[in-house]
Amino acid sequence: MTAVRGATSAASATSDTSVRPAKDRSTGPAHQSTLHGLVTPRPPTSRPRPRAYSLTVRALGPFLLVALWWAASATGLLTPDVLASPAEVLRAVGELWGNGQLSDALATSLTRSGLGLLIGLAVGLTLGIVTGFTRLGDELLDSSMQTLRTIPFLSLVPLFMVWFGINETAKVLLIAVATTFPMYVSTSSGVRATDRKLVEAMRSFGMGRIGIVREVVLPGALPSLLAGLRLSMTLSVIALIAAEEINATAGIGYLMSQAQSFARTDILAVCILVYGVLGLLADGVVRLLERVLMPWRRAGQGVVAR
């Protein structure tokens, strides 16, 4: 009897197994995602970019421009009376550097641009903090600053010549006016974007206004401050070109006026390239400050997504 029961149990188990369908392995999560038109998510991969590769890519654009310039001069598309060849420009650089004209002009132009930039940054930073941090300063100063900001600084050249004459004061102040407003706008917007809860917390701990500005507001507005610094430094070079048109007797602008009188396109090209290099160096200084003052951005730029 026991043997019959065992046989019956085995038979029923066998029949259940044969009737029950096998588990479909194709109903897993990956297959279901494929059925719905989705794919299995995967984390983004990143790879480091070599420093040499980045520098090479940055230098590729200027190198191509110089190559096109050289090819146009070699084939006769650019004649010397239109634009000197790169070889002639290099010879002009050696000539001007050898007789001391280029070094003296650089020193004079950098002094003008530096003084005007320092004045403009100081004024723009101070007024930006006042209007961005205090309601009274915003009501008293912001509308006037926004009105003055819309006036092109080049239109002030004749007025500055009447007010200050044709000496160095007019040149420096013109650069200062041009560099004030970018710094003012960036500082004011950066200060307004500061977390008000953090400011109130510092006030509850007894920190004064100067301390809050120094310890909370300026560090929080640092990205905006560096953006304003970049714009101001670029405009200082542009304003320098306009300022040195005011009866200059020294500087890069004076070299350009002399070269124009004698139709020396090689020296004109040298002066234009010097202005371009000054602007590139100004941008490099701001990038260096960003790496030093905001190292977290440097860490984020070390990888590039595929």
C-alpha atoms as a PDB file:
ATOM      1  CA  MET A   1       0.000   0.000   0.000  1.00  0.00           C
ATOM      2  CA  THR A   2       2.834   2.308   0.793  1.00  0.00           C
ATOM      3  CA  ALA A   3       4.467   1.504  -2.534  1.00  0.00           C
ATOM      4  CA  VAL A   4       1.232   2.363  -4.365  1.00  0.00           C
ATOM      5  CA  ARG A   5       0.998   5.719  -2.574  1.00  0.00           C
ATOM      6  CA  GLY A   6       4.605   6.534  -3.475  1.00  0.00           C
ATOM      7  CA  ALA A   7       4.040   5.679  -7.084  1.00  0.00           C
ATOM      8  CA  THR A   8       0.896   7.806  -7.132  1.00  0.00           C
ATOM      9  CA  SER A   9       2.765  10.809  -5.607  1.00  0.00           C
ATOM     10  CA  ALA A  10       5.594  10.475  -8.124  1.00  0.00           C
ATOM     11  CA  ALA A  11       3.155  10.294 -11.001  1.00  0.00           C
ATOM     12  CA  SER A  12       1.264  13.364  -9.826  1.00  0.00           C
ATOM     13  CA  ALA A  13       4.511  15.302  -9.402  1.00  0.00           C
ATOM     14  CA  THR A  14       5.578  14.286 -12.877  1.00  0.00           C
ATOM     15  CA  SER A  15       2.269  15.340 -14.343  1.00  0.00           C
ATOM     16  CA  ASP A  16       2.405  18.688 -12.537  1.00  0.00           C
ATOM     17  CA  THR A  17       5.861  19.320 -13.875  1.00  0.00           C
ATOM     18  CA  SER A  18       4.849  18.476 -17.408  1.00  0.00           C
ATOM     19  CA  VAL A  19       1.744  20.640 -17.273  1.00  0.00           C
ATOM     20  CA  ARG A  20       3.352  23.675 -15.561  1.00  0.00           C
ATOM     21  CA  PRO A  21       5.116  25.887 -18.178  1.00  0.00           C
ATOM     22  CA  ALA A  22       8.798  26.521 -17.806  1.00  0.00           C
ATOM     23  CA  LYS A  23       9.777  29.928 -16.494  1.00  0.00           C
ATOM     24  CA  ASP A  24      10.428  32.285 -19.362  1.00  0.00           C
ATOM     25  CA  ARG A  25      13.859  33.749 -18.938  1.00  0.00           C
ATOM     26  CA  SER A  26      13.133  36.423 -21.506  1.00  0.00           C
ATOM     27  CA  THR A  27      10.888  38.316 -19.085  1.00  0.00           C
ATOM     28  CA  GLY A  28      13.773  39.813 -17.127  1.00  0.00           C
ATOM     29  CA  PRO A  29      14.237  43.562 -16.558  1.00  0.00           C
ATOM     30  CA  ALA A  30      16.569  43.992 -19.531  1.00  0.00           C
ATOM     31  CA  HIS A  31      14.122  42.281 -21.892  1.00  0.00           C
ATOM     32  CA  GLN A  32      11.199  44.282 -20.558  1.00  0.00           C
ATOM     33  CA  SER A  33      13.149  47.528 -21.074  1.00  0.00           C
ATOM     34  CA  THR A  34      13.925  46.438 -24.638  1.00  0.00           C
ATOM     35  CA  LEU A  35      10.261  45.688 -25.272  1.00  0.00           C
ATOM     36  CA  HIS A  36       9.279  49.184 -24.184  1.00  0.00           C
ATOM     37  CA  GLY A  37      11.936  50.854 -26.359  1.00  0.00           C
ATOM     38  CA  LEU A  38      14.287  51.562 -23.459  1.00  0.00           C
ATOM     39  CA  VAL A  39      17.814  50.476 -22.745  1.00  0.00           C
ATOM     40  CA  THR A  40      19.521  49.545 -19.550  1.00  0.00           C
ATOM     41  CA  PRO A  41      20.820  52.766 -17.934  1.00  0.00           C
ATOM     42  CA  ARG A  42      24.527  53.080 -17.461  1.00  0.00           C
ATOM     43  CA  PRO A  43      26.517  55.747 -15.641  1.00  0.00           C
ATOM     44  CA  PRO A  44      28.205  58.397 -17.814  1.00  0.00           C
ATOM     45  CA  THR A  45      31.815  57.648 -18.561  1.00  0.00           C
ATOM     46  CA  SER A  46      34.492  60.310 -18.592  1.00  0.00           C
ATOM     47  CA  ARG A  47      38.086  60.442 -19.604  1.00  0.00           C
ATOM     48  CA  PRO A  48      40.821  62.879 -18.680  1.00  0.00           C
ATOM     49  CA  ARG A  49      41.970  65.335 -21.324  1.00  0.00           C
ATOM     50  CA  PRO A  50      45.739  65.763 -21.534  1.00  0.00           C
ATOM     51  CA  ARG A  51      47.055  69.255 -20.957  1.00  0.00           C
ATOM     52  CA  ALA A  52      49.208  69.119 -24.089  1.00  0.00           C
ATOM     53  CA  TYR A  53      46.165  68.231 -26.190  1.00  0.00           C
ATOM     54  CA  SER A  54      44.193  71.187 -24.828  1.00  0.00           C
ATOM     55  CA  LEU A  55      47.054  73.610 -25.520  1.00  0.00           C
ATOM     56  CA  THR A  56      47.459  72.235 -29.031  1.00  0.00           C
ATOM     57  CA  VAL A  57      43.768  72.738 -29.809  1.00  0.00           C
ATOM     58  CA  ARG A  58      43.899  76.290 -28.453  1.00  0.00           C
ATOM     59  CA  ALA A  59      46.908  77.133 -30.621  1.00  0.00           C
ATOM     60  CA  LEU A  60      45.397  75.586 -33.730  1.00  0.00           C
ATOM     61  CA  GLY A  61      43.178  78.561 -34.596  1.00  0.00           C
ATOM     62  CA  PRO A  62      45.924  81.249 -34.479  1.00  0.00           C
ATOM     63  CA  PHE A  63      48.289  78.924 -36.332  1.00  0.00           C
ATOM     64  CA  LEU A  64      45.775  78.482 -39.163  1.00  0.00           C
ATOM     65  CA  LEU A  65      45.260  82.251 -39.405  1.00  0.00           C
ATOM     66  CA  VAL A  66      49.020  82.846 -39.674  1.00  0.00           C
ATOM     67  CA  ALA A  67      49.280  80.061 -42.275  1.00  0.00           C
ATOM     68  CA  LEU A  68      46.524  81.644 -44.374  1.00  0.00           C
ATOM     69  CA  TRP A  69      48.181  85.041 -44.011  1.00  0.00           C
ATOM     70  CA  TRP A  70      51.526  83.633 -45.153  1.00  0.00           C
ATOM     71  CA  ALA A  71      49.944  81.784 -48.085  1.00  0.00           C
ATOM     72  CA  ALA A  72      48.070  84.892 -49.251  1.00  0.00           C
ATOM     73  CA  SER A  73      51.266  86.956 -49.086  1.00  0.00           C
ATOM     74  CA  ALA A  74      53.313  84.297 -50.880  1.00  0.00           C
ATOM     75  CA  THR A  75      50.804  83.937 -53.718  1.00  0.00           C
ATOM     76  CA  GLY A  76      50.429  87.691 -54.212  1.00  0.00           C
ATOM     77  CA  LEU A  77      46.829  87.947 -52.994  1.00  0.00           C
ATOM     78  CA  LEU A  78      48.097  90.314 -50.286  1.00  0.00           C
ATOM     79  CA  THR A  79      50.500  92.925 -51.556  1.00  0.00           C
ATOM     80  CA  PRO A  80      52.844  94.792 -49.187  1.00  0.00           C
ATOM     81  CA  ASP A  81      50.920  98.037 -49.643  1.00  0.00           C
ATOM     82  CA  VAL A  82      47.800  96.295 -48.293  1.00  0.00           C
ATOM     83  CA  LEU A  83      49.341  94.143 -45.570  1.00  0.00           C
ATOM     84  CA  ALA A  84      52.932  93.106 -44.993  1.00  0.00           C
ATOM     85  CA  SER A  85      53.863  89.430 -44.956  1.00  0.00           C
ATOM     86  CA  PRO A  86      54.610  87.591 -41.702  1.00  0.00           C
ATOM     87  CA  ALA A  87      58.331  87.650 -42.487  1.00  0.00           C
ATOM     88  CA  GLU A  88      58.289  91.436 -42.924  1.00  0.00           C
ATOM     89  CA  VAL A  89      56.353  91.819 -39.682  1.00  0.00           C
ATOM     90  CA  LEU A  90      58.971  89.764 -37.835  1.00  0.00           C
ATOM     91  CA  ARG A  91      61.699  91.962 -39.283  1.00  0.00           C
ATOM     92  CA  ALA A  92      59.784  95.035 -38.119  1.00  0.00           C
ATOM     93  CA  VAL A  93      59.541  93.573 -34.612  1.00  0.00           C
ATOM     94  CA  GLY A  94      63.311  93.090 -34.563  1.00  0.00           C
ATOM     95  CA  GLU A  95      63.852  96.625 -35.833  1.00  0.00           C
ATOM     96  CA  LEU A  96      61.533  98.254 -33.297  1.00  0.00           C
ATOM     97  CA  TRP A  97      62.853  96.171 -30.418  1.00  0.00           C
ATOM     98  CA  GLY A  98      66.449  96.791 -31.397  1.00  0.00           C
ATOM     99  CA  ASN A  99      66.141 100.588 -31.369  1.00  0.00           C
ATOM    100  CA  GLY A 100      64.056 100.546 -28.158  1.00  0.00           C
ATOM    101  CA  GLN A 101      60.880 101.990 -29.658  1.00  0.00           C
ATOM    102  CA  LEU A 102      58.721  98.939 -29.027  1.00  0.00           C
ATOM    103  CA  SER A 103      59.795  98.475 -25.411  1.00  0.00           C
ATOM    104  CA  ASP A 104      59.242 102.162 -24.613  1.00  0.00           C
ATOM    105  CA  ALA A 105      55.848 102.158 -26.308  1.00  0.00           C
ATOM    106  CA  LEU A 106      54.814  99.022 -24.399  1.00  0.00           C
ATOM    107  CA  ALA A 107      55.805 100.527 -21.073  1.00  0.00           C
ATOM    108  CA  THR A 108      53.860 103.715 -21.757  1.00  0.00           C
ATOM    109  CA  SER A 109      50.727 101.925 -22.979  1.00  0.00           C
ATOM    110  CA  LEU A 110      50.730  99.410 -20.130  1.00  0.00           C
ATOM    111  CA  THR A 111      51.048 102.233 -17.594  1.00  0.00           C
ATOM    112  CA  ARG A 112      48.078 104.060 -19.073  1.00  0.00           C
ATOM    113  CA  SER A 113      45.958 100.929 -19.292  1.00  0.00           C
ATOM    114  CA  GLY A 114      46.924  99.736 -15.807  1.00  0.00           C
ATOM    115  CA  LEU A 115      46.161 103.026 -14.075  1.00  0.00           C
ATOM    116  CA  GLY A 116      42.822 103.423 -15.818  1.00  0.00           C
ATOM    117  CA  LEU A 117      41.907  99.814 -15.072  1.00  0.00           C
ATOM    118  CA  LEU A 118      42.712 100.145 -11.373  1.00  0.00           C
ATOM    119  CA  ILE A 119      40.603 103.288 -11.056  1.00  0.00           C
ATOM    120  CA  GLY A 120      37.706 101.739 -12.958  1.00  0.00           C
ATOM    121  CA  LEU A 121      37.786  98.510 -10.945  1.00  0.00           C
ATOM    122  CA  ALA A 122      37.873 100.364  -7.628  1.00  0.00           C
ATOM    123  CA  VAL A 123      34.950 102.630  -8.544  1.00  0.00           C
ATOM    124  CA  GLY A 124      32.874  99.860 -10.107  1.00  0.00           C
ATOM    125  CA  LEU A 125      33.461  97.459  -7.209  1.00  0.00           C
ATOM    126  CA  THR A 126      32.607 100.059  -4.563  1.00  0.00           C
ATOM    127  CA  LEU A 127      29.456 101.299  -6.255  1.00  0.00           C
ATOM    128  CA  GLY A 128      28.354  97.755  -7.085  1.00  0.00           C
ATOM    129  CA  ILE A 129      28.606  96.701  -3.442  1.00  0.00           C
ATOM    130  CA  VAL A 130      26.730  99.798  -2.276  1.00  0.00           C
ATOM    131  CA  THR A 131      23.841  99.414  -4.723  1.00  0.00           C
ATOM    132  CA  GLY A 132      23.645  95.647  -4.389  1.00  0.00           C
ATOM    133  CA  PHE A 133      23.850  95.454  -0.602  1.00  0.00           C
ATOM    134  CA  THR A 134      21.854  98.474   0.552  1.00  0.00           C
ATOM    135  CA  ARG A 135      18.382  99.557  -0.516  1.00  0.00           C
ATOM    136  CA  LEU A 136      19.232 103.247  -0.129  1.00  0.00           C
ATOM    137  CA  GLY A 137      22.261 102.910  -2.392  1.00  0.00           C
ATOM    138  CA  ASP A 138      20.188 101.094  -4.982  1.00  0.00           C
ATOM    139  CA  GLU A 139      17.541 103.815  -4.972  1.00  0.00           C
ATOM    140  CA  LEU A 140      20.045 106.670  -5.105  1.00  0.00           C
ATOM    141  CA  LEU A 141      22.711 105.379  -7.509  1.00  0.00           C
ATOM    142  CA  ASP A 142      21.517 102.531  -9.702  1.00  0.00           C
ATOM    143  CA  SER A 143      19.301 104.542 -12.045  1.00  0.00           C
ATOM    144  CA  SER A 144      22.060 107.097 -12.630  1.00  0.00           C
ATOM    145  CA  MET A 145      24.672 104.391 -13.232  1.00  0.00           C
ATOM    146  CA  GLN A 146      22.421 102.557 -15.679  1.00  0.00           C
ATOM    147  CA  THR A 147      21.857 105.806 -17.577  1.00  0.00           C
ATOM    148  CA  LEU A 148      25.571 106.586 -17.779  1.00  0.00           C
ATOM    149  CA  ARG A 149      26.315 103.001 -18.794  1.00  0.00           C
ATOM    150  CA  THR A 150      24.384 103.423 -22.037  1.00  0.00           C
ATOM    151  CA  ILE A 151      26.609 106.306 -23.181  1.00  0.00           C
ATOM    152  CA  PRO A 152      29.416 105.040 -25.474  1.00  0.00           C
ATOM    153  CA  PHE A 153      32.736 105.941 -23.912  1.00  0.00           C
ATOM    154  CA  LEU A 154      34.116 106.897 -27.329  1.00  0.00           C
ATOM    155  CA  SER A 155      31.658 109.794 -27.435  1.00  0.00           C
ATOM    156  CA  LEU A 156      33.376 111.218 -24.344  1.00  0.00           C
ATOM    157  CA  VAL A 157      36.715 111.751 -26.108  1.00  0.00           C
ATOM    158  CA  PRO A 158      36.002 115.341 -27.305  1.00  0.00           C
ATOM    159  CA  LEU A 159      34.516 116.265 -23.933  1.00  0.00           C
ATOM    160  CA  PHE A 160      37.506 114.888 -22.032  1.00  0.00           C
ATOM    161  CA  MET A 161      39.848 116.831 -24.301  1.00  0.00           C
ATOM    162  CA  VAL A 162      37.980 120.019 -23.372  1.00  0.00           C
ATOM    163  CA  TRP A 163      37.937 119.207 -19.672  1.00  0.00           C
ATOM    164  CA  PHE A 164      41.398 117.736 -19.126  1.00  0.00           C
ATOM    165  CA  GLY A 165      43.359 118.785 -22.191  1.00  0.00           C
ATOM    166  CA  ILE A 166      45.477 116.401 -24.255  1.00  0.00           C
ATOM    167  CA  ASN A 167      47.712 115.211 -21.444  1.00  0.00           C
ATOM    168  CA  GLU A 168      47.845 111.822 -19.735  1.00  0.00           C
ATOM    169  CA  THR A 169      44.920 112.591 -17.421  1.00  0.00           C
ATOM    170  CA  ALA A 170      42.365 112.489 -20.225  1.00  0.00           C
ATOM    171  CA  LYS A 171      43.739 109.165 -21.512  1.00  0.00           C
ATOM    172  CA  VAL A 172      43.754 107.479 -18.108  1.00  0.00           C
ATOM    173  CA  LEU A 173      40.273 108.729 -17.170  1.00  0.00           C
ATOM    174  CA  LEU A 174      38.822 107.574 -20.474  1.00  0.00           C
ATOM    175  CA  ILE A 175      40.086 104.048 -19.769  1.00  0.00           C
ATOM    176  CA  ALA A 176      38.739 104.308 -16.212  1.00  0.00           C
ATOM    177  CA  VAL A 177      35.255 105.240 -17.428  1.00  0.00           C
ATOM    178  CA  ALA A 178      35.233 102.385 -19.944  1.00  0.00           C
ATOM    179  CA  THR A 179      36.186  99.800 -17.306  1.00  0.00           C
ATOM    180  CA  THR A 180      33.945 101.035 -14.495  1.00  0.00           C
ATOM    181  CA  PHE A 181      30.556  99.926 -15.798  1.00  0.00           C
ATOM    182  CA  PRO A 182      31.261  96.238 -16.575  1.00  0.00           C
ATOM    183  CA  MET A 183      32.644  95.832 -13.065  1.00  0.00           C
ATOM    184  CA  TYR A 184      29.726  97.733 -11.571  1.00  0.00           C
ATOM    185  CA  VAL A 185      27.048  95.635 -13.301  1.00  0.00           C
ATOM    186  CA  SER A 186      28.725  92.321 -12.473  1.00  0.00           C
ATOM    187  CA  THR A 187      29.349  93.272  -8.842  1.00  0.00           C
ATOM    188  CA  SER A 188      25.842  94.587  -8.286  1.00  0.00           C
ATOM    189  CA  SER A 189      24.182  91.484  -9.739  1.00  0.00           C
ATOM    190  CA  GLY A 190      26.526  89.161  -7.855  1.00  0.00           C
ATOM    191  CA  VAL A 191      25.888  90.895  -4.539  1.00  0.00           C
ATOM    192  CA  ARG A 192      22.110  90.797  -5.079  1.00  0.00           C
ATOM    193  CA  ALA A 193      22.327  87.051  -5.699  1.00  0.00           C
ATOM    194  CA  THR A 194      23.838  86.425  -2.252  1.00  0.00           C
ATOM    195  CA  ASP A 195      21.768  84.136  -0.028  1.00  0.00           C
ATOM    196  CA  ARG A 196      19.785  86.479   2.226  1.00  0.00           C
ATOM    197  CA  LYS A 197      19.254  83.764   4.822  1.00  0.00           C
ATOM    198  CA  LEU A 198      23.010  83.458   5.233  1.00  0.00           C
ATOM    199  CA  VAL A 199      23.317  87.218   5.633  1.00  0.00           C
ATOM    200  CA  GLU A 200      20.595  87.255   8.292  1.00  0.00           C
ATOM    201  CA  ALA A 201      22.294  84.379  10.088  1.00  0.00           C
ATOM    202  CA  MET A 202      25.549  86.299  10.249  1.00  0.00           C
ATOM    203  CA  ARG A 203      23.728  89.362  11.548  1.00  0.00           C
ATOM    204  CA  SER A 204      22.112  87.274  14.278  1.00  0.00           C
ATOM    205  CA  PHE A 205      25.589  86.252  15.384  1.00  0.00           C
ATOM    206  CA  GLY A 206      26.547  89.916  15.717  1.00  0.00           C
ATOM    207  CA  MET A 207      28.655  90.359  12.578  1.00  0.00           C
ATOM    208  CA  GLY A 208      28.739  93.928  11.283  1.00  0.00           C
ATOM    209  CA  ARG A 209      28.106  95.111   7.735  1.00  0.00           C
ATOM    210  CA  ILE A 210      31.753  95.343   6.775  1.00  0.00           C
ATOM    211  CA  GLY A 211      32.377  91.861   8.082  1.00  0.00           C
ATOM    212  CA  ILE A 212      29.365  90.462   6.223  1.00  0.00           C
ATOM    213  CA  VAL A 213      30.557  92.053   2.987  1.00  0.00           C
ATOM    214  CA  ARG A 214      34.074  90.730   3.470  1.00  0.00           C
ATOM    215  CA  GLU A 215      33.228  87.237   4.711  1.00  0.00           C
ATOM    216  CA  VAL A 216      29.896  86.441   3.036  1.00  0.00           C
ATOM    217  CA  VAL A 217      28.943  88.758   0.179  1.00  0.00           C
ATOM    218  CA  LEU A 218      32.219  89.009  -1.733  1.00  0.00           C
ATOM    219  CA  PRO A 219      33.017  85.266  -1.598  1.00  0.00           C
ATOM    220  CA  GLY A 220      29.488  84.472  -2.751  1.00  0.00           C
ATOM    221  CA  ALA A 221      29.715  86.981  -5.610  1.00  0.00           C
ATOM    222  CA  LEU A 222      33.183  85.818  -6.687  1.00  0.00           C
ATOM    223  CA  PRO A 223      32.106  84.279 -10.030  1.00  0.00           C
ATOM    224  CA  SER A 224      30.353  87.515 -11.003  1.00  0.00           C
ATOM    225  CA  LEU A 225      33.333  89.579  -9.869  1.00  0.00           C
ATOM    226  CA  LEU A 226      35.710  87.586 -12.052  1.00  0.00           C
ATOM    227  CA  ALA A 227      33.339  87.899 -15.007  1.00  0.00           C
ATOM    228  CA  GLY A 228      33.288  91.668 -14.530  1.00  0.00           C
ATOM    229  CA  LEU A 229      37.076  91.701 -14.225  1.00  0.00           C
ATOM    230  CA  ARG A 230      37.412  89.849 -17.518  1.00  0.00           C
ATOM    231  CA  LEU A 231      35.143  92.314 -19.325  1.00  0.00           C
ATOM    232  CA  SER A 232      36.875  95.312 -17.761  1.00  0.00           C
ATOM    233  CA  MET A 233      40.348  94.098 -18.694  1.00  0.00           C
ATOM    234  CA  THR A 234      39.251  93.512 -22.269  1.00  0.00           C
ATOM    235  CA  LEU A 235      37.680  96.962 -22.455  1.00  0.00           C
ATOM    236  CA  SER A 236      40.838  98.519 -21.009  1.00  0.00           C
ATOM    237  CA  VAL A 237      42.704  97.420 -24.151  1.00  0.00           C
ATOM    238  CA  ILE A 238      39.941  98.722 -26.422  1.00  0.00           C
ATOM    239  CA  ALA A 239      39.811 102.022 -24.563  1.00  0.00           C
ATOM    240  CA  LEU A 240      43.598 102.241 -24.735  1.00  0.00           C
ATOM    241  CA  ILE A 241      43.391 102.283 -28.530  1.00  0.00           C
ATOM    242  CA  ALA A 242      40.910 105.172 -28.405  1.00  0.00           C
ATOM    243  CA  ALA A 243      42.830 107.019 -25.686  1.00  0.00           C
ATOM    244  CA  GLU A 244      46.073 106.930 -27.622  1.00  0.00           C
ATOM    245  CA  GLU A 245      44.393 108.732 -30.489  1.00  0.00           C
ATOM    246  CA  ILE A 246      44.252 111.853 -28.293  1.00  0.00           C
ATOM    247  CA  ASN A 247      47.420 113.536 -29.558  1.00  0.00           C
ATOM    248  CA  ALA A 248      49.681 110.793 -28.216  1.00  0.00           C
ATOM    249  CA  THR A 249      53.446 111.378 -28.295  1.00  0.00           C
ATOM    250  CA  ALA A 250      54.348 107.944 -26.931  1.00  0.00           C
ATOM    251  CA  GLY A 251      52.857 104.476 -26.775  1.00  0.00           C
ATOM    252  CA  ILE A 252      51.590 101.904 -29.235  1.00  0.00           C
ATOM    253  CA  GLY A 253      49.072 104.373 -30.642  1.00  0.00           C
ATOM    254  CA  TYR A 254      51.861 106.822 -31.401  1.00  0.00           C
ATOM    255  CA  LEU A 255      53.751 104.113 -33.279  1.00  0.00           C
ATOM    256  CA  MET A 256      50.610 103.417 -35.293  1.00  0.00           C
ATOM    257  CA  SER A 257      50.139 107.053 -36.242  1.00  0.00           C
ATOM    258  CA  GLN A 258      53.769 107.312 -37.323  1.00  0.00           C
ATOM    259  CA  ALA A 259      53.518 104.112 -39.340  1.00  0.00           C
ATOM    260  CA  GLN A 260      50.356 105.390 -41.000  1.00  0.00           C
ATOM    261  CA  SER A 261      52.148 108.566 -42.066  1.00  0.00           C
ATOM    262  CA  PHE A 262      54.902 106.560 -43.775  1.00  0.00           C
ATOM    263  CA  ALA A 263      52.602 103.762 -45.064  1.00  0.00           C
ATOM    264  CA  ARG A 264      54.513 101.134 -43.059  1.00  0.00           C
ATOM    265  CA  THR A 265      52.006  98.291 -43.053  1.00  0.00           C
ATOM    266  CA  ASP A 266      54.533  96.055 -41.324  1.00  0.00           C
ATOM    267  CA  ILE A 267      54.682  98.347 -38.269  1.00  0.00           C
ATOM    268  CA  LEU A 268      50.896  98.754 -38.350  1.00  0.00           C
ATOM    269  CA  ALA A 269      50.575  94.970 -38.239  1.00  0.00           C
ATOM    270  CA  VAL A 270      53.013  94.835 -35.322  1.00  0.00           C
ATOM    271  CA  CYS A 271      50.962  97.341 -33.331  1.00  0.00           C
ATOM    272  CA  ILE A 272      47.703  95.503 -34.059  1.00  0.00           C
ATOM    273  CA  LEU A 273      49.257  92.211 -32.969  1.00  0.00           C
ATOM    274  CA  VAL A 274      50.535  93.847 -29.780  1.00  0.00           C
ATOM    275  CA  TYR A 275      47.018  94.987 -28.915  1.00  0.00           C
ATOM    276  CA  GLY A 276      45.761  91.462 -29.567  1.00  0.00           C
ATOM    277  CA  VAL A 277      48.451  89.905 -27.387  1.00  0.00           C
ATOM    278  CA  LEU A 278      47.619  92.339 -24.571  1.00  0.00           C
ATOM    279  CA  GLY A 279      43.983  91.277 -24.712  1.00  0.00           C
ATOM    280  CA  LEU A 280      44.968  87.601 -24.706  1.00  0.00           C
ATOM    281  CA  LEU A 281      47.246  88.118 -21.703  1.00  0.00           C
ATOM    282  CA  ALA A 282      44.466  89.933 -19.854  1.00  0.00           C
ATOM    283  CA  ASP A 283      42.142  86.978 -20.392  1.00  0.00           C
ATOM    284  CA  GLY A 284      44.900  84.611 -19.252  1.00  0.00           C
ATOM    285  CA  VAL A 285      45.337  86.552 -16.022  1.00  0.00           C
ATOM    286  CA  VAL A 286      41.631  86.187 -15.236  1.00  0.00           C
ATOM    287  CA  ARG A 287      41.742  82.458 -16.005  1.00  0.00           C
ATOM    288  CA  LEU A 288      44.670  82.096 -13.611  1.00  0.00           C
ATOM    289  CA  LEU A 289      42.751  83.938 -10.902  1.00  0.00           C
ATOM    290  CA  GLU A 290      39.790  81.601 -11.442  1.00  0.00           C
ATOM    291  CA  ARG A 291      42.045  78.579 -10.942  1.00  0.00           C
ATOM    292  CA  VAL A 292      43.484  80.023  -7.736  1.00  0.00           C
ATOM    293  CA  LEU A 293      40.333  81.505  -6.197  1.00  0.00           C
ATOM    294  CA  MET A 294      37.845  78.867  -7.372  1.00  0.00           C
ATOM    295  CA  PRO A 295      39.663  75.511  -7.375  1.00  0.00           C
ATOM    296  CA  TRP A 296      36.378  73.580  -7.552  1.00  0.00           C
ATOM    297  CA  ARG A 297      35.907  74.819 -11.120  1.00  0.00           C
ATOM    298  CA  ARG A 298      39.353  73.540 -12.003  1.00  0.00           C
ATOM    299  CA  ALA A 299      38.420  70.117 -10.656  1.00  0.00           C
ATOM    300  CA  GLY A 300      35.269  70.115 -12.758  1.00  0.00           C
ATOM    301  CA  GLN A 301      37.179  70.953 -15.938  1.00  0.00           C
ATOM    302  CA  GLY A 302      39.547  68.013 -15.630  1.00  0.00           C
ATOM    303  CA  VAL A 303      37.232  65.508 -17.330  1.00  0.00           C
ATOM    304  CA  VAL A 304      35.267  65.643 -20.531  1.00  0.00           C
ATOM    305  CA  ALA A 305      32.234  63.478 -21.225  1.00  0.00           C
ATOM    306  CA  ARG A 306      32.367  61.240 -24.260  1.00  0.00           C
END
